Amino acid sequence: MTIDLTTVLGAVITLVIAIVSAIVVPLLKKKLGDEKYSEIERWVKVAVQAAEQLFAGSGRGEEKLDYVLKFLESKGFTLDVASLRNLIESAVWELTNGTFTIGESYEEEA
């Protein structure tokens, strides 16, 4: 008899992302200021959504991450990779769990 650990692993990953987001987001906001953080967060969400469309299918996570990091670099965001990865993972989690919004301030700028 085999045990399917997919559900357990998914729950653990979700929990880790939630905990990291709860710790990292306030630290980044403090470090960057609310306005700069909001701008980075919006562009991360735009890049994540674009990567999900451009690189459809499973097993393409590295391609998606590379695309998002290059996109953010092209916008002039030079945070350390660990901080950007945390923001990206948070955006991916929101996208896959149906809570993904880019926000009204982005729509007004567009």
PDB file of N, CA and C in Angstrom:
ATOM      1  N   MET A   1       0.850  -1.182   0.000  1.00  0.00           N
ATOM      2  CA  MET A   1       0.000   0.000   0.000  1.00  0.00           C
ATOM      3  C   MET A   1       0.895   1.245   0.000  1.00  0.00           C
ATOM      4  N   THR A   2       0.580   2.181  -0.883  1.00  0.00           N
ATOM      5  CA  THR A   2       1.350   3.417  -0.950  1.00  0.00           C
ATOM      6  C   THR A   2       0.514   4.566  -0.413  1.00  0.00           C
ATOM      7  N   ILE A   3       1.209   5.531   0.114  1.00  0.00           N
ATOM      8  CA  ILE A   3       0.549   6.707   0.680  1.00  0.00           C
ATOM      9  C   ILE A   3       0.844   7.889  -0.238  1.00  0.00           C
ATOM     10  N   ASP A   4      -0.198   8.598  -0.628  1.00  0.00           N
ATOM     11  CA  ASP A   4      -0.043   9.776  -1.479  1.00  0.00           C
ATOM     12  C   ASP A   4       0.219  10.986  -0.589  1.00  0.00           C
ATOM     13  N   LEU A   5       1.422  11.500  -0.662  1.00  0.00           N
ATOM     14  CA  LEU A   5       1.813  12.635   0.174  1.00  0.00           C
ATOM     15  C   LEU A   5       1.596  13.978  -0.522  1.00  0.00           C
ATOM     16  N   THR A   6       0.991  13.961  -1.700  1.00  0.00           N
ATOM     17  CA  THR A   6       0.785  15.198  -2.454  1.00  0.00           C
ATOM     18  C   THR A   6      -0.022  16.215  -1.662  1.00  0.00           C
ATOM     19  N   THR A   7      -1.110  15.788  -1.050  1.00  0.00           N
ATOM     20  CA  THR A   7      -1.956  16.697  -0.285  1.00  0.00           C
ATOM     21  C   THR A   7      -1.215  17.254   0.921  1.00  0.00           C
ATOM     22  N   VAL A   8      -0.496  16.393   1.611  1.00  0.00           N
ATOM     23  CA  VAL A   8       0.264  16.829   2.784  1.00  0.00           C
ATOM     24  C   VAL A   8       1.358  17.805   2.370  1.00  0.00           C
ATOM     25  N   LEU A   9       2.078  17.468   1.307  1.00  0.00           N
ATOM     26  CA  LEU A   9       3.134  18.343   0.820  1.00  0.00           C
ATOM     27  C   LEU A   9       2.571  19.691   0.380  1.00  0.00           C
ATOM     28  N   GLY A  10       1.445  19.688  -0.294  1.00  0.00           N
ATOM     29  CA  GLY A  10       0.797  20.936  -0.708  1.00  0.00           C
ATOM     30  C   GLY A  10       0.413  21.791   0.485  1.00  0.00           C
ATOM     31  N   ALA A  11      -0.112  21.163   1.524  1.00  0.00           N
ATOM     32  CA  ALA A  11      -0.493  21.897   2.730  1.00  0.00           C
ATOM     33  C   ALA A  11       0.733  22.475   3.434  1.00  0.00           C
ATOM     34  N   VAL A  12       1.806  21.716   3.483  1.00  0.00           N
ATOM     35  CA  VAL A  12       3.040  22.188   4.122  1.00  0.00           C
ATOM     36  C   VAL A  12       3.620  23.374   3.351  1.00  0.00           C
ATOM     37  N   ILE A  13       3.644  23.261   2.030  1.00  0.00           N
ATOM     38  CA  ILE A  13       4.158  24.364   1.209  1.00  0.00           C
ATOM     39  C   ILE A  13       3.306  25.615   1.399  1.00  0.00           C
ATOM     40  N   THR A  14       1.993  25.456   1.416  1.00  0.00           N
ATOM     41  CA  THR A  14       1.094  26.589   1.639  1.00  0.00           C
ATOM     42  C   THR A  14       1.359  27.231   2.990  1.00  0.00           C
ATOM     43  N   LEU A  15       1.539  26.409   4.008  1.00  0.00           N
ATOM     44  CA  LEU A  15       1.821  26.927   5.348  1.00  0.00           C
ATOM     45  C   LEU A  15       3.142  27.668   5.390  1.00  0.00           C
ATOM     46  N   VAL A  16       4.170  27.118   4.776  1.00  0.00           N
ATOM     47  CA  VAL A  16       5.478  27.771   4.753  1.00  0.00           C
ATOM     48  C   VAL A  16       5.395  29.112   4.032  1.00  0.00           C
ATOM     49  N   ILE A  17       4.713  29.148   2.903  1.00  0.00           N
ATOM     50  CA  ILE A  17       4.573  30.405   2.158  1.00  0.00           C
ATOM     51  C   ILE A  17       3.812  31.433   2.986  1.00  0.00           C
ATOM     52  N   ALA A  18       2.772  31.007   3.663  1.00  0.00           N
ATOM     53  CA  ALA A  18       1.999  31.926   4.496  1.00  0.00           C
ATOM     54  C   ALA A  18       2.851  32.488   5.634  1.00  0.00           C
ATOM     55  N   ILE A  19       3.635  31.629   6.268  1.00  0.00           N
ATOM     56  CA  ILE A  19       4.493  32.085   7.365  1.00  0.00           C
ATOM     57  C   ILE A  19       5.575  33.035   6.861  1.00  0.00           C
ATOM     58  N   VAL A  20       6.217  32.660   5.751  1.00  0.00           N
ATOM     59  CA  VAL A  20       7.254  33.516   5.176  1.00  0.00           C
ATOM     60  C   VAL A  20       6.657  34.859   4.779  1.00  0.00           C
ATOM     61  N   SER A  21       5.484  34.830   4.161  1.00  0.00           N
ATOM     62  CA  SER A  21       4.832  36.084   3.763  1.00  0.00           C
ATOM     63  C   SER A  21       4.507  36.948   4.976  1.00  0.00           C
ATOM     64  N   ALA A  22       4.066  36.319   6.032  1.00  0.00           N
ATOM     65  CA  ALA A  22       3.714  37.068   7.242  1.00  0.00           C
ATOM     66  C   ALA A  22       4.936  37.718   7.875  1.00  0.00           C
ATOM     67  N   ILE A  23       6.103  37.139   7.679  1.00  0.00           N
ATOM     68  CA  ILE A  23       7.324  37.691   8.262  1.00  0.00           C
ATOM     69  C   ILE A  23       8.029  38.612   7.275  1.00  0.00           C
ATOM     70  N   VAL A  24       8.170  38.178   6.041  1.00  0.00           N
ATOM     71  CA  VAL A  24       8.954  38.915   5.053  1.00  0.00           C
ATOM     72  C   VAL A  24       8.258  40.191   4.593  1.00  0.00           C
ATOM     73  N   VAL A  25       6.966  40.131   4.354  1.00  0.00           N
ATOM     74  CA  VAL A  25       6.250  41.302   3.842  1.00  0.00           C
ATOM     75  C   VAL A  25       6.393  42.509   4.776  1.00  0.00           C
ATOM     76  N   PRO A  26       6.132  42.370   6.078  1.00  0.00           N
ATOM     77  CA  PRO A  26       6.317  43.531   6.951  1.00  0.00           C
ATOM     78  C   PRO A  26       7.762  44.043   6.981  1.00  0.00           C
ATOM     79  N   LEU A  27       8.738  43.126   6.915  1.00  0.00           N
ATOM     80  CA  LEU A  27      10.138  43.556   6.900  1.00  0.00           C
ATOM     81  C   LEU A  27      10.464  44.338   5.631  1.00  0.00           C
ATOM     82  N   LEU A  28       9.966  43.857   4.488  1.00  0.00           N
ATOM     83  CA  LEU A  28      10.199  44.572   3.233  1.00  0.00           C
ATOM     84  C   LEU A  28       9.508  45.936   3.229  1.00  0.00           C
ATOM     85  N   LYS A  29       8.281  45.974   3.749  1.00  0.00           N
ATOM     86  CA  LYS A  29       7.570  47.262   3.808  1.00  0.00           C
ATOM     87  C   LYS A  29       8.344  48.257   4.654  1.00  0.00           C
ATOM     88  N   LYS A  30       8.882  47.783   5.753  1.00  0.00           N
ATOM     89  CA  LYS A  30       9.648  48.659   6.640  1.00  0.00           C
ATOM     90  C   LYS A  30      10.924  49.124   5.939  1.00  0.00           C
ATOM     91  N   LYS A  31      11.590  48.209   5.264  1.00  0.00           N
ATOM     92  CA  LYS A  31      12.850  48.514   4.586  1.00  0.00           C
ATOM     93  C   LYS A  31      12.637  49.465   3.408  1.00  0.00           C
ATOM     94  N   LEU A  32      11.600  49.239   2.629  1.00  0.00           N
ATOM     95  CA  LEU A  32      11.386  49.981   1.392  1.00  0.00           C
ATOM     96  C   LEU A  32      10.435  51.162   1.521  1.00  0.00           C
ATOM     97  N   GLY A  33       9.568  51.120   2.487  1.00  0.00           N
ATOM     98  CA  GLY A  33       8.500  52.097   2.569  1.00  0.00           C
ATOM     99  C   GLY A  33       7.278  51.559   1.857  1.00  0.00           C
ATOM    100  N   ASP A  34       6.106  51.937   2.309  1.00  0.00           N
ATOM    101  CA  ASP A  34       4.858  51.395   1.775  1.00  0.00           C
ATOM    102  C   ASP A  34       4.675  51.647   0.282  1.00  0.00           C
ATOM    103  N   GLU A  35       5.014  52.853  -0.170  1.00  0.00           N
ATOM    104  CA  GLU A  35       4.782  53.189  -1.573  1.00  0.00           C
ATOM    105  C   GLU A  35       5.662  52.358  -2.506  1.00  0.00           C
ATOM    106  N   LYS A  36       6.933  52.255  -2.200  1.00  0.00           N
ATOM    107  CA  LYS A  36       7.861  51.483  -3.032  1.00  0.00           C
ATOM    108  C   LYS A  36       7.497  49.994  -2.983  1.00  0.00           C
ATOM    109  N   TYR A  37       7.123  49.504  -1.813  1.00  0.00           N
ATOM    110  CA  TYR A  37       6.728  48.102  -1.686  1.00  0.00           C
ATOM    111  C   TYR A  37       5.497  47.820  -2.548  1.00  0.00           C
ATOM    112  N   SER A  38       4.509  48.713  -2.504  1.00  0.00           N
ATOM    113  CA  SER A  38       3.293  48.521  -3.301  1.00  0.00           C
ATOM    114  C   SER A  38       3.605  48.480  -4.789  1.00  0.00           C
ATOM    115  N   GLU A  39       4.542  49.328  -5.213  1.00  0.00           N
ATOM    116  CA  GLU A  39       4.931  49.343  -6.623  1.00  0.00           C
ATOM    117  C   GLU A  39       5.597  48.021  -7.010  1.00  0.00           C
ATOM    118  N   ILE A  40       6.506  47.544  -6.193  1.00  0.00           N
ATOM    119  CA  ILE A  40       7.176  46.270  -6.473  1.00  0.00           C
ATOM    120  C   ILE A  40       6.160  45.134  -6.473  1.00  0.00           C
ATOM    121  N   GLU A  41       5.275  45.137  -5.499  1.00  0.00           N
ATOM    122  CA  GLU A  41       4.270  44.079  -5.404  1.00  0.00           C
ATOM    123  C   GLU A  41       3.396  44.035  -6.655  1.00  0.00           C
ATOM    124  N   ARG A  42       2.988  45.205  -7.145  1.00  0.00           N
ATOM    125  CA  ARG A  42       2.174  45.254  -8.364  1.00  0.00           C
ATOM    126  C   ARG A  42       2.925  44.662  -9.552  1.00  0.00           C
ATOM    127  N   TRP A  43       4.202  45.048  -9.723  1.00  0.00           N
ATOM    128  CA  TRP A  43       4.966  44.554 -10.856  1.00  0.00           C
ATOM    129  C   TRP A  43       5.264  43.063 -10.724  1.00  0.00           C
ATOM    130  N   VAL A  44       5.450  42.577  -9.499  1.00  0.00           N
ATOM    131  CA  VAL A  44       5.637  41.137  -9.291  1.00  0.00           C
ATOM    132  C   VAL A  44       4.392  40.401  -9.763  1.00  0.00           C
ATOM    133  N   LYS A  45       3.220  40.904  -9.403  1.00  0.00           N
ATOM    134  CA  LYS A  45       1.979  40.249  -9.796  1.00  0.00           C
ATOM    135  C   LYS A  45       1.782  40.283 -11.305  1.00  0.00           C
ATOM    136  N   VAL A  46       2.124  41.391 -11.933  1.00  0.00           N
ATOM    137  CA  VAL A  46       2.030  41.477 -13.392  1.00  0.00           C
ATOM    138  C   VAL A  46       2.969  40.448 -14.026  1.00  0.00           C
ATOM    139  N   ALA A  47       4.190  40.381 -13.532  1.00  0.00           N
ATOM    140  CA  ALA A  47       5.175  39.453 -14.094  1.00  0.00           C
ATOM    141  C   ALA A  47       4.771  38.000 -13.866  1.00  0.00           C
ATOM    142  N   VAL A  48       4.251  37.689 -12.689  1.00  0.00           N
ATOM    143  CA  VAL A  48       3.817  36.318 -12.394  1.00  0.00           C
ATOM    144  C   VAL A  48       2.680  35.920 -13.315  1.00  0.00           C
ATOM    145  N   GLN A  49       1.723  36.804 -13.482  1.00  0.00           N
ATOM    146  CA  GLN A  49       0.592  36.494 -14.350  1.00  0.00           C
ATOM    147  C   GLN A  49       1.067  36.304 -15.798  1.00  0.00           C
ATOM    148  N   ALA A  50       1.980  37.142 -16.248  1.00  0.00           N
ATOM    149  CA  ALA A  50       2.513  37.008 -17.610  1.00  0.00           C
ATOM    150  C   ALA A  50       3.268  35.687 -17.763  1.00  0.00           C
ATOM    151  N   ALA A  51       4.078  35.339 -16.779  1.00  0.00           N
ATOM    152  CA  ALA A  51       4.838  34.083 -16.849  1.00  0.00           C
ATOM    153  C   ALA A  51       3.908  32.881 -16.887  1.00  0.00           C
ATOM    154  N   GLU A  52       2.835  32.935 -16.123  1.00  0.00           N
ATOM    155  CA  GLU A  52       1.880  31.826 -16.131  1.00  0.00           C
ATOM    156  C   GLU A  52       1.234  31.665 -17.501  1.00  0.00           C
ATOM    157  N   GLN A  53       1.012  32.762 -18.201  1.00  0.00           N
ATOM    158  CA  GLN A  53       0.429  32.699 -19.544  1.00  0.00           C
ATOM    159  C   GLN A  53       1.459  32.248 -20.582  1.00  0.00           C
ATOM    160  N   LEU A  54       2.679  32.770 -20.479  1.00  0.00           N
ATOM    161  CA  LEU A  54       3.706  32.474 -21.468  1.00  0.00           C
ATOM    162  C   LEU A  54       4.254  31.054 -21.365  1.00  0.00           C
ATOM    163  N   PHE A  55       4.347  30.543 -20.159  1.00  0.00           N
ATOM    164  CA  PHE A  55       4.953  29.231 -19.921  1.00  0.00           C
ATOM    165  C   PHE A  55       3.927  28.293 -19.304  1.00  0.00           C
ATOM    166  N   ALA A  56       2.856  28.042 -20.027  1.00  0.00           N
ATOM    167  CA  ALA A  56       1.775  27.203 -19.523  1.00  0.00           C
ATOM    168  C   ALA A  56       2.254  25.772 -19.312  1.00  0.00           C
ATOM    169  N   GLY A  57       1.662  25.137 -18.327  1.00  0.00           N
ATOM    170  CA  GLY A  57       1.971  23.735 -18.057  1.00  0.00           C
ATOM    171  C   GLY A  57       2.838  23.567 -16.836  1.00  0.00           C
ATOM    172  N   SER A  58       2.822  22.367 -16.317  1.00  0.00           N
ATOM    173  CA  SER A  58       3.600  22.086 -15.118  1.00  0.00           C
ATOM    174  C   SER A  58       5.039  21.769 -15.486  1.00  0.00           C
ATOM    175  N   GLY A  59       5.916  21.859 -14.507  1.00  0.00           N
ATOM    176  CA  GLY A  59       7.320  21.548 -14.720  1.00  0.00           C
ATOM    177  C   GLY A  59       8.116  22.672 -15.355  1.00  0.00           C
ATOM    178  N   ARG A  60       7.538  23.858 -15.419  1.00  0.00           N
ATOM    179  CA  ARG A  60       8.222  24.983 -16.058  1.00  0.00           C
ATOM    180  C   ARG A  60       8.515  26.097 -15.063  1.00  0.00           C
ATOM    181  N   GLY A  61       8.598  25.726 -13.797  1.00  0.00           N
ATOM    182  CA  GLY A  61       8.799  26.701 -12.738  1.00  0.00           C
ATOM    183  C   GLY A  61      10.063  27.528 -12.872  1.00  0.00           C
ATOM    184  N   GLU A  62      11.156  26.886 -13.273  1.00  0.00           N
ATOM    185  CA  GLU A  62      12.416  27.620 -13.422  1.00  0.00           C
ATOM    186  C   GLU A  62      12.329  28.644 -14.547  1.00  0.00           C
ATOM    187  N   GLU A  63      11.671  28.283 -15.641  1.00  0.00           N
ATOM    188  CA  GLU A  63      11.491  29.232 -16.753  1.00  0.00           C
ATOM    189  C   GLU A  63      10.654  30.423 -16.301  1.00  0.00           C
ATOM    190  N   LYS A  64       9.593  30.127 -15.556  1.00  0.00           N
ATOM    191  CA  LYS A  64       8.721  31.194 -15.056  1.00  0.00           C
ATOM    192  C   LYS A  64       9.473  32.114 -14.108  1.00  0.00           C
ATOM    193  N   LEU A  65      10.229  31.516 -13.187  1.00  0.00           N
ATOM    194  CA  LEU A  65      10.991  32.313 -12.222  1.00  0.00           C
ATOM    195  C   LEU A  65      12.016  33.175 -12.940  1.00  0.00           C
ATOM    196  N   ASP A  66      12.724  32.605 -13.893  1.00  0.00           N
ATOM    197  CA  ASP A  66      13.724  33.350 -14.649  1.00  0.00           C
ATOM    198  C   ASP A  66      13.087  34.529 -15.379  1.00  0.00           C
ATOM    199  N   TYR A  67      11.922  34.283 -15.991  1.00  0.00           N
ATOM    200  CA  TYR A  67      11.210  35.352 -16.697  1.00  0.00           C
ATOM    201  C   TYR A  67      10.845  36.483 -15.731  1.00  0.00           C
ATOM    202  N   VAL A  68      10.277  36.124 -14.575  1.00  0.00           N
ATOM    203  CA  VAL A  68       9.841  37.129 -13.605  1.00  0.00           C
ATOM    204  C   VAL A  68      11.036  37.926 -13.091  1.00  0.00           C
ATOM    205  N   LEU A  69      12.123  37.266 -12.748  1.00  0.00           N
ATOM    206  CA  LEU A  69      13.304  37.968 -12.242  1.00  0.00           C
ATOM    207  C   LEU A  69      13.870  38.924 -13.293  1.00  0.00           C
ATOM    208  N   LYS A  70      13.939  38.483 -14.551  1.00  0.00           N
ATOM    209  CA  LYS A  70      14.442  39.355 -15.622  1.00  0.00           C
ATOM    210  C   LYS A  70      13.499  40.533 -15.860  1.00  0.00           C
ATOM    211  N   PHE A  71      12.206  40.269 -15.803  1.00  0.00           N
ATOM    212  CA  PHE A  71      11.224  41.344 -15.984  1.00  0.00           C
ATOM    213  C   PHE A  71      11.385  42.399 -14.892  1.00  0.00           C
ATOM    214  N   LEU A  72      11.489  41.956 -13.648  1.00  0.00           N
ATOM    215  CA  LEU A  72      11.634  42.897 -12.531  1.00  0.00           C
ATOM    216  C   LEU A  72      12.944  43.670 -12.634  1.00  0.00           C
ATOM    217  N   GLU A  73      13.997  43.002 -13.061  1.00  0.00           N
ATOM    218  CA  GLU A  73      15.284  43.676 -13.260  1.00  0.00           C
ATOM    219  C   GLU A  73      15.162  44.750 -14.335  1.00  0.00           C
ATOM    220  N   SER A  74      14.395  44.457 -15.395  1.00  0.00           N
ATOM    221  CA  SER A  74      14.207  45.439 -16.468  1.00  0.00           C
ATOM    222  C   SER A  74      13.438  46.663 -15.988  1.00  0.00           C
ATOM    223  N   LYS A  75      12.655  46.489 -14.920  1.00  0.00           N
ATOM    224  CA  LYS A  75      11.910  47.605 -14.335  1.00  0.00           C
ATOM    225  C   LYS A  75      12.741  48.357 -13.298  1.00  0.00           C
ATOM    226  N   GLY A  76      13.962  47.874 -13.046  1.00  0.00           N
ATOM    227  CA  GLY A  76      14.866  48.570 -12.133  1.00  0.00           C
ATOM    228  C   GLY A  76      14.791  48.117 -10.687  1.00  0.00           C
ATOM    229  N   PHE A  77      14.155  47.001 -10.420  1.00  0.00           N
ATOM    230  CA  PHE A  77      14.057  46.507  -9.055  1.00  0.00           C
ATOM    231  C   PHE A  77      15.267  45.631  -8.757  1.00  0.00           C
ATOM    232  N   THR A  78      16.019  46.038  -7.758  1.00  0.00           N
ATOM    233  CA  THR A  78      17.275  45.350  -7.463  1.00  0.00           C
ATOM    234  C   THR A  78      17.290  44.772  -6.046  1.00  0.00           C
ATOM    235  N   LEU A  79      16.161  44.300  -5.589  1.00  0.00           N
ATOM    236  CA  LEU A  79      16.130  43.622  -4.296  1.00  0.00           C
ATOM    237  C   LEU A  79      16.935  42.343  -4.385  1.00  0.00           C
ATOM    238  N   ASP A  80      17.338  41.835  -3.244  1.00  0.00           N
ATOM    239  CA  ASP A  80      18.041  40.561  -3.261  1.00  0.00           C
ATOM    240  C   ASP A  80      17.095  39.466  -3.764  1.00  0.00           C
ATOM    241  N   VAL A  81      17.670  38.450  -4.339  1.00  0.00           N
ATOM    242  CA  VAL A  81      16.896  37.387  -4.978  1.00  0.00           C
ATOM    243  C   VAL A  81      15.974  36.697  -3.976  1.00  0.00           C
ATOM    244  N   ALA A  82      16.426  36.511  -2.743  1.00  0.00           N
ATOM    245  CA  ALA A  82      15.589  35.839  -1.739  1.00  0.00           C
ATOM    246  C   ALA A  82      14.313  36.633  -1.475  1.00  0.00           C
ATOM    247  N   SER A  83      14.418  37.949  -1.355  1.00  0.00           N
ATOM    248  CA  SER A  83      13.233  38.780  -1.127  1.00  0.00           C
ATOM    249  C   SER A  83      12.297  38.736  -2.327  1.00  0.00           C
ATOM    250  N   LEU A  84      12.863  38.828  -3.527  1.00  0.00           N
ATOM    251  CA  LEU A  84      12.037  38.755  -4.727  1.00  0.00           C
ATOM    252  C   LEU A  84      11.363  37.396  -4.842  1.00  0.00           C
ATOM    253  N   ARG A  85      12.085  36.334  -4.530  1.00  0.00           N
ATOM    254  CA  ARG A  85      11.494  34.995  -4.599  1.00  0.00           C
ATOM    255  C   ARG A  85      10.318  34.873  -3.645  1.00  0.00           C
ATOM    256  N   ASN A  86      10.454  35.461  -2.447  1.00  0.00           N
ATOM    257  CA  ASN A  86       9.351  35.415  -1.491  1.00  0.00           C
ATOM    258  C   ASN A  86       8.133  36.168  -2.018  1.00  0.00           C
ATOM    259  N   LEU A  87       8.345  37.324  -2.616  1.00  0.00           N
ATOM    260  CA  LEU A  87       7.234  38.073  -3.204  1.00  0.00           C
ATOM    261  C   LEU A  87       6.609  37.283  -4.356  1.00  0.00           C
ATOM    262  N   ILE A  88       7.443  36.652  -5.163  1.00  0.00           N
ATOM    263  CA  ILE A  88       6.949  35.860  -6.288  1.00  0.00           C
ATOM    264  C   ILE A  88       6.136  34.676  -5.789  1.00  0.00           C
ATOM    265  N   GLU A  89       6.650  33.955  -4.803  1.00  0.00           N
ATOM    266  CA  GLU A  89       5.933  32.801  -4.255  1.00  0.00           C
ATOM    267  C   GLU A  89       4.599  33.223  -3.658  1.00  0.00           C
ATOM    268  N   SER A  90       4.582  34.369  -3.001  1.00  0.00           N
ATOM    269  CA  SER A  90       3.338  34.883  -2.440  1.00  0.00           C
ATOM    270  C   SER A  90       2.332  35.181  -3.550  1.00  0.00           C
ATOM    271  N   ALA A  91       2.796  35.791  -4.641  1.00  0.00           N
ATOM    272  CA  ALA A  91       1.909  36.101  -5.771  1.00  0.00           C
ATOM    273  C   ALA A  91       1.408  34.823  -6.443  1.00  0.00           C
ATOM    274  N   VAL A  92       2.286  33.831  -6.584  1.00  0.00           N
ATOM    275  CA  VAL A  92       1.873  32.556  -7.183  1.00  0.00           C
ATOM    276  C   VAL A  92       0.822  31.895  -6.303  1.00  0.00           C
ATOM    277  N   TRP A  93       1.035  31.915  -5.005  1.00  0.00           N
ATOM    278  CA  TRP A  93       0.062  31.333  -4.081  1.00  0.00           C
ATOM    279  C   TRP A  93      -1.292  32.020  -4.225  1.00  0.00           C
ATOM    280  N   GLU A  94      -1.288  33.364  -4.284  1.00  0.00           N
ATOM    281  CA  GLU A  94      -2.537  34.109  -4.462  1.00  0.00           C
ATOM    282  C   GLU A  94      -3.203  33.738  -5.782  1.00  0.00           C
ATOM    283  N   LEU A  95      -2.407  33.598  -6.839  1.00  0.00           N
ATOM    284  CA  LEU A  95      -2.955  33.268  -8.151  1.00  0.00           C
ATOM    285  C   LEU A  95      -3.606  31.890  -8.144  1.00  0.00           C
ATOM    286  N   THR A  96      -2.967  30.916  -7.538  1.00  0.00           N
ATOM    287  CA  THR A  96      -3.503  29.558  -7.535  1.00  0.00           C
ATOM    288  C   THR A  96      -4.634  29.372  -6.543  1.00  0.00           C
ATOM    289  N   ASN A  97      -4.781  30.279  -5.591  1.00  0.00           N
ATOM    290  CA  ASN A  97      -5.838  30.156  -4.589  1.00  0.00           C
ATOM    291  C   ASN A  97      -6.974  31.152  -4.789  1.00  0.00           C
ATOM    292  N   GLY A  98      -6.965  31.859  -5.902  1.00  0.00           N
ATOM    293  CA  GLY A  98      -8.084  32.722  -6.249  1.00  0.00           C
ATOM    294  C   GLY A  98      -8.152  34.042  -5.509  1.00  0.00           C
ATOM    295  N   THR A  99      -7.064  34.466  -4.862  1.00  0.00           N
ATOM    296  CA  THR A  99      -7.083  35.749  -4.148  1.00  0.00           C
ATOM    297  C   THR A  99      -6.190  36.773  -4.828  1.00  0.00           C
ATOM    298  N   PHE A 100      -5.808  36.512  -6.061  1.00  0.00           N
ATOM    299  CA  PHE A 100      -4.868  37.333  -6.813  1.00  0.00           C
ATOM    300  C   PHE A 100      -5.557  38.590  -7.337  1.00  0.00           C
ATOM    301  N   THR A 101      -5.078  39.754  -6.930  1.00  0.00           N
ATOM    302  CA  THR A 101      -5.550  41.021  -7.485  1.00  0.00           C
ATOM    303  C   THR A 101      -4.352  41.928  -7.698  1.00  0.00           C
ATOM    304  N   ILE A 102      -4.380  42.654  -8.762  1.00  0.00           N
ATOM    305  CA  ILE A 102      -3.286  43.588  -9.023  1.00  0.00           C
ATOM    306  C   ILE A 102      -3.562  44.912  -8.338  1.00  0.00           C
ATOM    307  N   GLY A 103      -4.801  45.279  -8.183  1.00  0.00           N
ATOM    308  CA  GLY A 103      -5.144  46.481  -7.432  1.00  0.00           C
ATOM    309  C   GLY A 103      -5.579  47.630  -8.309  1.00  0.00           C
ATOM    310  N   GLU A 104      -6.364  48.508  -7.717  1.00  0.00           N
ATOM    311  CA  GLU A 104      -6.901  49.649  -8.442  1.00  0.00           C
ATOM    312  C   GLU A 104      -5.822  50.635  -8.845  1.00  0.00           C
ATOM    313  N   SER A 105      -4.785  50.807  -8.005  1.00  0.00           N
ATOM    314  CA  SER A 105      -3.773  51.798  -8.320  1.00  0.00           C
ATOM    315  C   SER A 105      -3.023  51.436  -9.602  1.00  0.00           C
ATOM    316  N   TYR A 106      -2.856  50.132  -9.893  1.00  0.00           N
ATOM    317  CA  TYR A 106      -2.206  49.735 -11.143  1.00  0.00           C
ATOM    318  C   TYR A 106      -3.113  50.060 -12.320  1.00  0.00           C
ATOM    319  N   GLU A 107      -4.390  49.755 -12.181  1.00  0.00           N
ATOM    320  CA  GLU A 107      -5.341  50.001 -13.262  1.00  0.00           C
ATOM    321  C   GLU A 107      -5.424  51.487 -13.591  1.00  0.00           C
ATOM    322  N   GLU A 108      -5.309  52.326 -12.569  1.00  0.00           N
ATOM    323  CA  GLU A 108      -5.354  53.769 -12.806  1.00  0.00           C
ATOM    324  C   GLU A 108      -4.142  54.244 -13.569  1.00  0.00           C
ATOM    325  N   GLU A 109      -2.960  53.598 -13.327  1.00  0.00           N
ATOM    326  CA  GLU A 109      -1.729  54.001 -13.988  1.00  0.00           C
ATOM    327  C   GLU A 109      -1.683  53.539 -15.432  1.00  0.00           C
ATOM    328  N   ALA A 110      -2.368  52.439 -15.733  1.00  0.00           N
ATOM    329  CA  ALA A 110      -2.293  51.836 -17.067  1.00  0.00           C
ATOM    330  C   ALA A 110      -2.952  52.696 -18.119  1.00  0.00           C
TER     331      ALA A 110
END
